[in-house]
Amino acid sequence: MSARELVLSFERERWRAYGDGVDIAHRHLRGLETLIEERLASEAPVDVHLKFNMAALPRWLHQYQNHYCNYTLHVPVRSGRP
């Protein structure tokens, strides 16, 4: 299984994942994860290590800082794929 690493930030009211040739954004974090899964489907299975760039989060999000943890998104092989 391969692995990728992306940085998460929050810019212009959108979550952004970037790095390692990827740069995508979505208004909701789960929507961003879906876009990451679609973008990396051809590499599946792949573990995507997502790391929050705490310095890039807006000041108003800092109160929730303890809720944001780096995590791994598992992108499985899609069923029906040869």
PDB file of N, CA and C in Angstrom:
ATOM      1  N   MET A   1       0.844  -1.170   0.000  1.00  0.00           N
ATOM      2  CA  MET A   1       0.000   0.000   0.000  1.00  0.00           C
ATOM      3  C   MET A   1       0.890   1.235   0.000  1.00  0.00           C
ATOM      4  N   SER A   2       0.540   2.174  -0.858  1.00  0.00           N
ATOM      5  CA  SER A   2       1.328   3.400  -0.921  1.00  0.00           C
ATOM      6  C   SER A   2       0.781   4.429   0.068  1.00  0.00           C
ATOM      7  N   ALA A   3       1.531   5.509   0.233  1.00  0.00           N
ATOM      8  CA  ALA A   3       1.129   6.567   1.161  1.00  0.00           C
ATOM      9  C   ALA A   3       1.433   7.921   0.541  1.00  0.00           C
ATOM     10  N   ARG A   4       0.590   8.877   0.857  1.00  0.00           N
ATOM     11  CA  ARG A   4       0.769  10.270   0.440  1.00  0.00           C
ATOM     12  C   ARG A   4       0.624  11.136   1.679  1.00  0.00           C
ATOM     13  N   GLU A   5       1.170  12.344   1.621  1.00  0.00           N
ATOM     14  CA  GLU A   5       1.010  13.280   2.727  1.00  0.00           C
ATOM     15  C   GLU A   5       0.514  14.610   2.174  1.00  0.00           C
ATOM     16  N   LEU A   6      -0.578  15.110   2.771  1.00  0.00           N
ATOM     17  CA  LEU A   6      -1.149  16.386   2.370  1.00  0.00           C
ATOM     18  C   LEU A   6      -1.289  17.287   3.593  1.00  0.00           C
ATOM     19  N   VAL A   7      -1.230  18.579   3.361  1.00  0.00           N
ATOM     20  CA  VAL A   7      -1.405  19.572   4.416  1.00  0.00           C
ATOM     21  C   VAL A   7      -2.813  20.132   4.296  1.00  0.00           C
ATOM     22  N   LEU A   8      -3.483  20.292   5.437  1.00  0.00           N
ATOM     23  CA  LEU A   8      -4.820  20.870   5.467  1.00  0.00           C
ATOM     24  C   LEU A   8      -4.758  22.291   6.001  1.00  0.00           C
ATOM     25  N   SER A   9      -5.461  23.183   5.325  1.00  0.00           N
ATOM     26  CA  SER A   9      -5.593  24.549   5.818  1.00  0.00           C
ATOM     27  C   SER A   9      -7.012  25.017   5.554  1.00  0.00           C
ATOM     28  N   PHE A  10      -7.360  26.169   6.070  1.00  0.00           N
ATOM     29  CA  PHE A  10      -8.687  26.738   5.887  1.00  0.00           C
ATOM     30  C   PHE A  10      -8.502  28.139   5.336  1.00  0.00           C
ATOM     31  N   GLU A  11      -8.901  28.344   4.071  1.00  0.00           N
ATOM     32  CA  GLU A  11      -8.681  29.609   3.388  1.00  0.00           C
ATOM     33  C   GLU A  11      -9.948  30.022   2.658  1.00  0.00           C
ATOM     34  N   ARG A  12     -10.320  31.285   2.782  1.00  0.00           N
ATOM     35  CA  ARG A  12     -11.490  31.825   2.059  1.00  0.00           C
ATOM     36  C   ARG A  12     -12.738  30.973   2.262  1.00  0.00           C
ATOM     37  N   GLU A  13     -12.955  30.570   3.505  1.00  0.00           N
ATOM     38  CA  GLU A  13     -14.122  29.775   3.899  1.00  0.00           C
ATOM     39  C   GLU A  13     -14.174  28.405   3.232  1.00  0.00           C
ATOM     40  N   ARG A  14     -13.008  27.867   2.897  1.00  0.00           N
ATOM     41  CA  ARG A  14     -12.927  26.542   2.276  1.00  0.00           C
ATOM     42  C   ARG A  14     -11.743  25.785   2.885  1.00  0.00           C
ATOM     43  N   TRP A  15     -11.929  24.479   3.071  1.00  0.00           N
ATOM     44  CA  TRP A  15     -10.827  23.614   3.459  1.00  0.00           C
ATOM     45  C   TRP A  15      -9.990  23.338   2.226  1.00  0.00           C
ATOM     46  N   ARG A  16      -8.700  23.306   2.395  1.00  0.00           N
ATOM     47  CA  ARG A  16      -7.782  23.077   1.276  1.00  0.00           C
ATOM     48  C   ARG A  16      -6.790  21.979   1.658  1.00  0.00           C
ATOM     49  N   ALA A  17      -6.571  21.050   0.746  1.00  0.00           N
ATOM     50  CA  ALA A  17      -5.562  19.999   0.908  1.00  0.00           C
ATOM     51  C   ALA A  17      -4.556  20.186  -0.209  1.00  0.00           C
ATOM     52  N   TYR A  18      -3.288  20.260   0.155  1.00  0.00           N
ATOM     53  CA  TYR A  18      -2.273  20.498  -0.865  1.00  0.00           C
ATOM     54  C   TYR A  18      -0.976  19.791  -0.508  1.00  0.00           C
ATOM     55  N   GLY A  19      -0.175  19.592  -1.563  1.00  0.00           N
ATOM     56  CA  GLY A  19       1.119  18.937  -1.412  1.00  0.00           C
ATOM     57  C   GLY A  19       1.187  17.696  -2.276  1.00  0.00           C
ATOM     58  N   ASP A  20       2.392  17.296  -2.610  1.00  0.00           N
ATOM     59  CA  ASP A  20       2.610  16.054  -3.350  1.00  0.00           C
ATOM     60  C   ASP A  20       1.800  16.015  -4.655  1.00  0.00           C
ATOM     61  N   GLY A  21       1.725  17.177  -5.340  1.00  0.00           N
ATOM     62  CA  GLY A  21       1.033  17.246  -6.623  1.00  0.00           C
ATOM     63  C   GLY A  21      -0.473  17.404  -6.547  1.00  0.00           C
ATOM     64  N   VAL A  22      -1.000  17.603  -5.355  1.00  0.00           N
ATOM     65  CA  VAL A  22      -2.444  17.752  -5.157  1.00  0.00           C
ATOM     66  C   VAL A  22      -2.721  19.149  -4.602  1.00  0.00           C
ATOM     67  N   ASP A  23      -3.774  19.783  -5.099  1.00  0.00           N
ATOM     68  CA  ASP A  23      -4.214  21.070  -4.554  1.00  0.00           C
ATOM     69  C   ASP A  23      -5.705  21.194  -4.833  1.00  0.00           C
ATOM     70  N   ILE A  24      -6.528  20.857  -3.820  1.00  0.00           N
ATOM     71  CA  ILE A  24      -7.975  20.880  -3.984  1.00  0.00           C
ATOM     72  C   ILE A  24      -8.613  21.537  -2.772  1.00  0.00           C
ATOM     73  N   ALA A  25      -9.841  22.024  -2.960  1.00  0.00           N
ATOM     74  CA  ALA A  25     -10.540  22.714  -1.876  1.00  0.00           C
ATOM     75  C   ALA A  25     -12.027  22.382  -1.916  1.00  0.00           C
ATOM     76  N   HIS A  26     -12.652  22.493  -0.746  1.00  0.00           N
ATOM     77  CA  HIS A  26     -14.098  22.273  -0.625  1.00  0.00           C
ATOM     78  C   HIS A  26     -14.573  23.008   0.630  1.00  0.00           C
ATOM     79  N   ARG A  27     -15.818  23.406   0.618  1.00  0.00           N
ATOM     80  CA  ARG A  27     -16.378  24.153   1.753  1.00  0.00           C
ATOM     81  C   ARG A  27     -16.455  23.306   3.034  1.00  0.00           C
ATOM     82  N   HIS A  28     -16.654  21.995   2.886  1.00  0.00           N
ATOM     83  CA  HIS A  28     -16.787  21.112   4.042  1.00  0.00           C
ATOM     84  C   HIS A  28     -15.638  20.099   4.060  1.00  0.00           C
ATOM     85  N   LEU A  29     -15.176  19.778   5.252  1.00  0.00           N
ATOM     86  CA  LEU A  29     -14.056  18.851   5.389  1.00  0.00           C
ATOM     87  C   LEU A  29     -14.390  17.479   4.816  1.00  0.00           C
ATOM     88  N   ARG A  30     -15.592  16.973   5.061  1.00  0.00           N
ATOM     89  CA  ARG A  30     -15.955  15.657   4.504  1.00  0.00           C
ATOM     90  C   ARG A  30     -16.013  15.713   2.984  1.00  0.00           C
ATOM     91  N   GLY A  31     -16.495  16.823   2.436  1.00  0.00           N
ATOM     92  CA  GLY A  31     -16.505  16.989   0.984  1.00  0.00           C
ATOM     93  C   GLY A  31     -15.097  16.991   0.427  1.00  0.00           C
ATOM     94  N   LEU A  32     -14.168  17.598   1.160  1.00  0.00           N
ATOM     95  CA  LEU A  32     -12.767  17.606   0.742  1.00  0.00           C
ATOM     96  C   LEU A  32     -12.203  16.187   0.748  1.00  0.00           C
ATOM     97  N   GLU A  33     -12.540  15.418   1.767  1.00  0.00           N
ATOM     98  CA  GLU A  33     -12.080  14.029   1.821  1.00  0.00           C
ATOM     99  C   GLU A  33     -12.598  13.236   0.618  1.00  0.00           C
ATOM    100  N   THR A  34     -13.845  13.484   0.231  1.00  0.00           N
ATOM    101  CA  THR A  34     -14.414  12.804  -0.940  1.00  0.00           C
ATOM    102  C   THR A  34     -13.634  13.166  -2.200  1.00  0.00           C
ATOM    103  N   LEU A  35     -13.290  14.448  -2.346  1.00  0.00           N
ATOM    104  CA  LEU A  35     -12.497  14.873  -3.501  1.00  0.00           C
ATOM    105  C   LEU A  35     -11.106  14.241  -3.494  1.00  0.00           C
ATOM    106  N   ILE A  36     -10.517  14.110  -2.323  1.00  0.00           N
ATOM    107  CA  ILE A  36      -9.205  13.454  -2.209  1.00  0.00           C
ATOM    108  C   ILE A  36      -9.327  11.997  -2.638  1.00  0.00           C
ATOM    109  N   GLU A  37     -10.361  11.325  -2.160  1.00  0.00           N
ATOM    110  CA  GLU A  37     -10.577   9.919  -2.526  1.00  0.00           C
ATOM    111  C   GLU A  37     -10.735   9.769  -4.040  1.00  0.00           C
ATOM    112  N   GLU A  38     -11.504  10.667  -4.650  1.00  0.00           N
ATOM    113  CA  GLU A  38     -11.699  10.605  -6.102  1.00  0.00           C
ATOM    114  C   GLU A  38     -10.390  10.885  -6.840  1.00  0.00           C
ATOM    115  N   ARG A  39      -9.643  11.860  -6.362  1.00  0.00           N
ATOM    116  CA  ARG A  39      -8.388  12.258  -7.027  1.00  0.00           C
ATOM    117  C   ARG A  39      -7.346  11.152  -6.968  1.00  0.00           C
ATOM    118  N   LEU A  40      -7.329  10.406  -5.873  1.00  0.00           N
ATOM    119  CA  LEU A  40      -6.298   9.380  -5.675  1.00  0.00           C
ATOM    120  C   LEU A  40      -6.808   7.956  -5.906  1.00  0.00           C
ATOM    121  N   ALA A  41      -8.011   7.825  -6.454  1.00  0.00           N
ATOM    122  CA  ALA A  41      -8.595   6.496  -6.684  1.00  0.00           C
ATOM    123  C   ALA A  41      -7.706   5.618  -7.559  1.00  0.00           C
ATOM    124  N   SER A  42      -7.014   6.219  -8.511  1.00  0.00           N
ATOM    125  CA  SER A  42      -6.166   5.425  -9.405  1.00  0.00           C
ATOM    126  C   SER A  42      -4.940   4.855  -8.692  1.00  0.00           C
ATOM    127  N   GLU A  43      -4.622   5.387  -7.521  1.00  0.00           N
ATOM    128  CA  GLU A  43      -3.476   4.892  -6.744  1.00  0.00           C
ATOM    129  C   GLU A  43      -3.902   3.933  -5.640  1.00  0.00           C
ATOM    130  N   ALA A  44      -5.203   3.723  -5.484  1.00  0.00           N
ATOM    131  CA  ALA A  44      -5.722   2.920  -4.386  1.00  0.00           C
ATOM    132  C   ALA A  44      -5.220   1.484  -4.459  1.00  0.00           C
ATOM    133  N   PRO A  45      -5.013   0.848  -3.327  1.00  0.00           N
ATOM    134  CA  PRO A  45      -5.215   1.412  -2.005  1.00  0.00           C
ATOM    135  C   PRO A  45      -4.067   2.355  -1.626  1.00  0.00           C
ATOM    136  N   VAL A  46      -4.424   3.426  -0.937  1.00  0.00           N
ATOM    137  CA  VAL A  46      -3.427   4.402  -0.513  1.00  0.00           C
ATOM    138  C   VAL A  46      -3.863   5.014   0.819  1.00  0.00           C
ATOM    139  N   ASP A  47      -2.908   5.237   1.698  1.00  0.00           N
ATOM    140  CA  ASP A  47      -3.147   5.953   2.944  1.00  0.00           C
ATOM    141  C   ASP A  47      -2.709   7.393   2.737  1.00  0.00           C
ATOM    142  N   VAL A  48      -3.599   8.331   3.036  1.00  0.00           N
ATOM    143  CA  VAL A  48      -3.292   9.752   2.884  1.00  0.00           C
ATOM    144  C   VAL A  48      -3.160  10.350   4.276  1.00  0.00           C
ATOM    145  N   HIS A  49      -1.952  10.745   4.618  1.00  0.00           N
ATOM    146  CA  HIS A  49      -1.689  11.359   5.912  1.00  0.00           C
ATOM    147  C   HIS A  49      -2.017  12.843   5.806  1.00  0.00           C
ATOM    148  N   LEU A  50      -3.029  13.272   6.567  1.00  0.00           N
ATOM    149  CA  LEU A  50      -3.490  14.654   6.532  1.00  0.00           C
ATOM    150  C   LEU A  50      -3.009  15.368   7.788  1.00  0.00           C
ATOM    151  N   LYS A  51      -2.291  16.454   7.579  1.00  0.00           N
ATOM    152  CA  LYS A  51      -1.721  17.208   8.697  1.00  0.00           C
ATOM    153  C   LYS A  51      -2.232  18.637   8.659  1.00  0.00           C
ATOM    154  N   PHE A  52      -2.819  19.087   9.758  1.00  0.00           N
ATOM    155  CA  PHE A  52      -3.335  20.439   9.837  1.00  0.00           C
ATOM    156  C   PHE A  52      -2.202  21.447   9.957  1.00  0.00           C
ATOM    157  N   ASN A  53      -2.266  22.484   9.152  1.00  0.00           N
ATOM    158  CA  ASN A  53      -1.344  23.613   9.263  1.00  0.00           C
ATOM    159  C   ASN A  53      -1.993  24.582  10.238  1.00  0.00           C
ATOM    160  N   MET A  54      -1.681  24.443  11.515  1.00  0.00           N
ATOM    161  CA  MET A  54      -2.333  25.236  12.550  1.00  0.00           C
ATOM    162  C   MET A  54      -2.082  26.729  12.366  1.00  0.00           C
ATOM    163  N   ALA A  55      -0.950  27.093  11.803  1.00  0.00           N
ATOM    164  CA  ALA A  55      -0.649  28.508  11.588  1.00  0.00           C
ATOM    165  C   ALA A  55      -1.558  29.120  10.523  1.00  0.00           C
ATOM    166  N   ALA A  56      -2.087  28.305   9.635  1.00  0.00           N
ATOM    167  CA  ALA A  56      -2.930  28.807   8.554  1.00  0.00           C
ATOM    168  C   ALA A  56      -4.416  28.816   8.913  1.00  0.00           C
ATOM    169  N   LEU A  57      -4.777  28.241  10.062  1.00  0.00           N
ATOM    170  CA  LEU A  57      -6.179  28.259  10.455  1.00  0.00           C
ATOM    171  C   LEU A  57      -6.554  29.653  10.935  1.00  0.00           C
ATOM    172  N   PRO A  58      -7.748  30.133  10.589  1.00  0.00           N
ATOM    173  CA  PRO A  58      -8.172  31.462  11.038  1.00  0.00           C
ATOM    174  C   PRO A  58      -8.232  31.544  12.559  1.00  0.00           C
ATOM    175  N   ARG A  59      -8.065  32.710  13.072  1.00  0.00           N
ATOM    176  CA  ARG A  59      -8.033  32.933  14.524  1.00  0.00           C
ATOM    177  C   ARG A  59      -9.285  32.379  15.210  1.00  0.00           C
ATOM    178  N   TRP A  60     -10.451  32.528  14.582  1.00  0.00           N
ATOM    179  CA  TRP A  60     -11.681  32.080  15.226  1.00  0.00           C
ATOM    180  C   TRP A  60     -11.731  30.566  15.381  1.00  0.00           C
ATOM    181  N   LEU A  61     -10.935  29.808  14.598  1.00  0.00           N
ATOM    182  CA  LEU A  61     -10.910  28.350  14.729  1.00  0.00           C
ATOM    183  C   LEU A  61      -9.983  27.878  15.854  1.00  0.00           C
ATOM    184  N   HIS A  62      -9.140  28.745  16.352  1.00  0.00           N
ATOM    185  CA  HIS A  62      -8.175  28.341  17.377  1.00  0.00           C
ATOM    186  C   HIS A  62      -8.870  27.847  18.648  1.00  0.00           C
ATOM    187  N   GLN A  63     -10.076  28.345  18.930  1.00  0.00           N
ATOM    188  CA  GLN A  63     -10.792  27.883  20.120  1.00  0.00           C
ATOM    189  C   GLN A  63     -11.145  26.396  20.026  1.00  0.00           C
ATOM    190  N   TYR A  64     -11.181  25.870  18.809  1.00  0.00           N
ATOM    191  CA  TYR A  64     -11.488  24.454  18.591  1.00  0.00           C
ATOM    192  C   TYR A  64     -10.225  23.636  18.333  1.00  0.00           C
ATOM    193  N   GLN A  65      -9.088  24.219  18.554  1.00  0.00           N
ATOM    194  CA  GLN A  65      -7.793  23.627  18.201  1.00  0.00           C
ATOM    195  C   GLN A  65      -7.639  22.201  18.720  1.00  0.00           C
ATOM    196  N   ASN A  66      -8.114  21.922  19.919  1.00  0.00           N
ATOM    197  CA  ASN A  66      -7.933  20.574  20.462  1.00  0.00           C
ATOM    198  C   ASN A  66      -8.778  19.535  19.726  1.00  0.00           C
ATOM    199  N   HIS A  67      -9.708  19.970  18.870  1.00  0.00           N
ATOM    200  CA  HIS A  67     -10.522  19.031  18.100  1.00  0.00           C
ATOM    201  C   HIS A  67      -9.865  18.656  16.772  1.00  0.00           C
ATOM    202  N   TYR A  68      -8.874  19.422  16.365  1.00  0.00           N
ATOM    203  CA  TYR A  68      -8.212  19.158  15.096  1.00  0.00           C
ATOM    204  C   TYR A  68      -6.967  18.318  15.348  1.00  0.00           C
ATOM    205  N   CYS A  69      -6.981  17.136  14.789  1.00  0.00           N
ATOM    206  CA  CYS A  69      -5.858  16.220  14.952  1.00  0.00           C
ATOM    207  C   CYS A  69      -5.419  15.749  13.574  1.00  0.00           C
ATOM    208  N   ASN A  70      -4.131  15.562  13.413  1.00  0.00           N
ATOM    209  CA  ASN A  70      -3.646  14.952  12.189  1.00  0.00           C
ATOM    210  C   ASN A  70      -4.246  13.549  12.116  1.00  0.00           C
ATOM    211  N   TYR A  71      -4.565  13.107  10.929  1.00  0.00           N
ATOM    212  CA  TYR A  71      -5.179  11.794  10.795  1.00  0.00           C
ATOM    213  C   TYR A  71      -4.848  11.190   9.438  1.00  0.00           C
ATOM    214  N   THR A  72      -5.199   9.917   9.272  1.00  0.00           N
ATOM    215  CA  THR A  72      -4.954   9.198   8.029  1.00  0.00           C
ATOM    216  C   THR A  72      -6.289   8.847   7.381  1.00  0.00           C
ATOM    217  N   LEU A  73      -6.402   9.198   6.107  1.00  0.00           N
ATOM    218  CA  LEU A  73      -7.577   8.856   5.309  1.00  0.00           C
ATOM    219  C   LEU A  73      -7.211   7.636   4.473  1.00  0.00           C
ATOM    220  N   HIS A  74      -7.942   6.568   4.640  1.00  0.00           N
ATOM    221  CA  HIS A  74      -7.684   5.338   3.888  1.00  0.00           C
ATOM    222  C   HIS A  74      -8.519   5.365   2.611  1.00  0.00           C
ATOM    223  N   VAL A  75      -7.857   5.301   1.467  1.00  0.00           N
ATOM    224  CA  VAL A  75      -8.555   5.272   0.177  1.00  0.00           C
ATOM    225  C   VAL A  75      -8.481   3.830  -0.327  1.00  0.00           C
ATOM    226  N   PRO A  76      -9.601   3.109  -0.234  1.00  0.00           N
ATOM    227  CA  PRO A  76      -9.598   1.707  -0.655  1.00  0.00           C
ATOM    228  C   PRO A  76      -9.767   1.574  -2.163  1.00  0.00           C
ATOM    229  N   VAL A  77      -9.509   0.401  -2.659  1.00  0.00           N
ATOM    230  CA  VAL A  77      -9.782   0.095  -4.074  1.00  0.00           C
ATOM    231  C   VAL A  77     -11.292   0.082  -4.213  1.00  0.00           C
ATOM    232  N   ARG A  78     -11.788   0.784  -5.219  1.00  0.00           N
ATOM    233  CA  ARG A  78     -13.234   0.810  -5.452  1.00  0.00           C
ATOM    234  C   ARG A  78     -13.697  -0.510  -6.034  1.00  0.00           C
ATOM    235  N   SER A  79     -14.863  -0.954  -5.598  1.00  0.00           N
ATOM    236  CA  SER A  79     -15.408  -2.203  -6.143  1.00  0.00           C
ATOM    237  C   SER A  79     -15.761  -2.000  -7.613  1.00  0.00           C
ATOM    238  N   GLY A  80     -15.581  -3.025  -8.384  1.00  0.00           N
ATOM    239  CA  GLY A  80     -15.859  -2.946  -9.808  1.00  0.00           C
ATOM    240  C   GLY A  80     -14.669  -2.468 -10.626  1.00  0.00           C
ATOM    241  N   ARG A  81     -13.601  -2.069  -9.929  1.00  0.00           N
ATOM    242  CA  ARG A  81     -12.398  -1.630 -10.636  1.00  0.00           C
ATOM    243  C   ARG A  81     -11.551  -2.843 -10.977  1.00  0.00           C
ATOM    244  N   PRO A  82     -11.053  -2.950 -12.210  1.00  0.00           N
ATOM    245  CA  PRO A  82     -10.250  -4.132 -12.576  1.00  0.00           C
ATOM    246  C   PRO A  82      -8.948  -4.201 -11.818  1.00  0.00           C
TER     247      PRO A  82
END
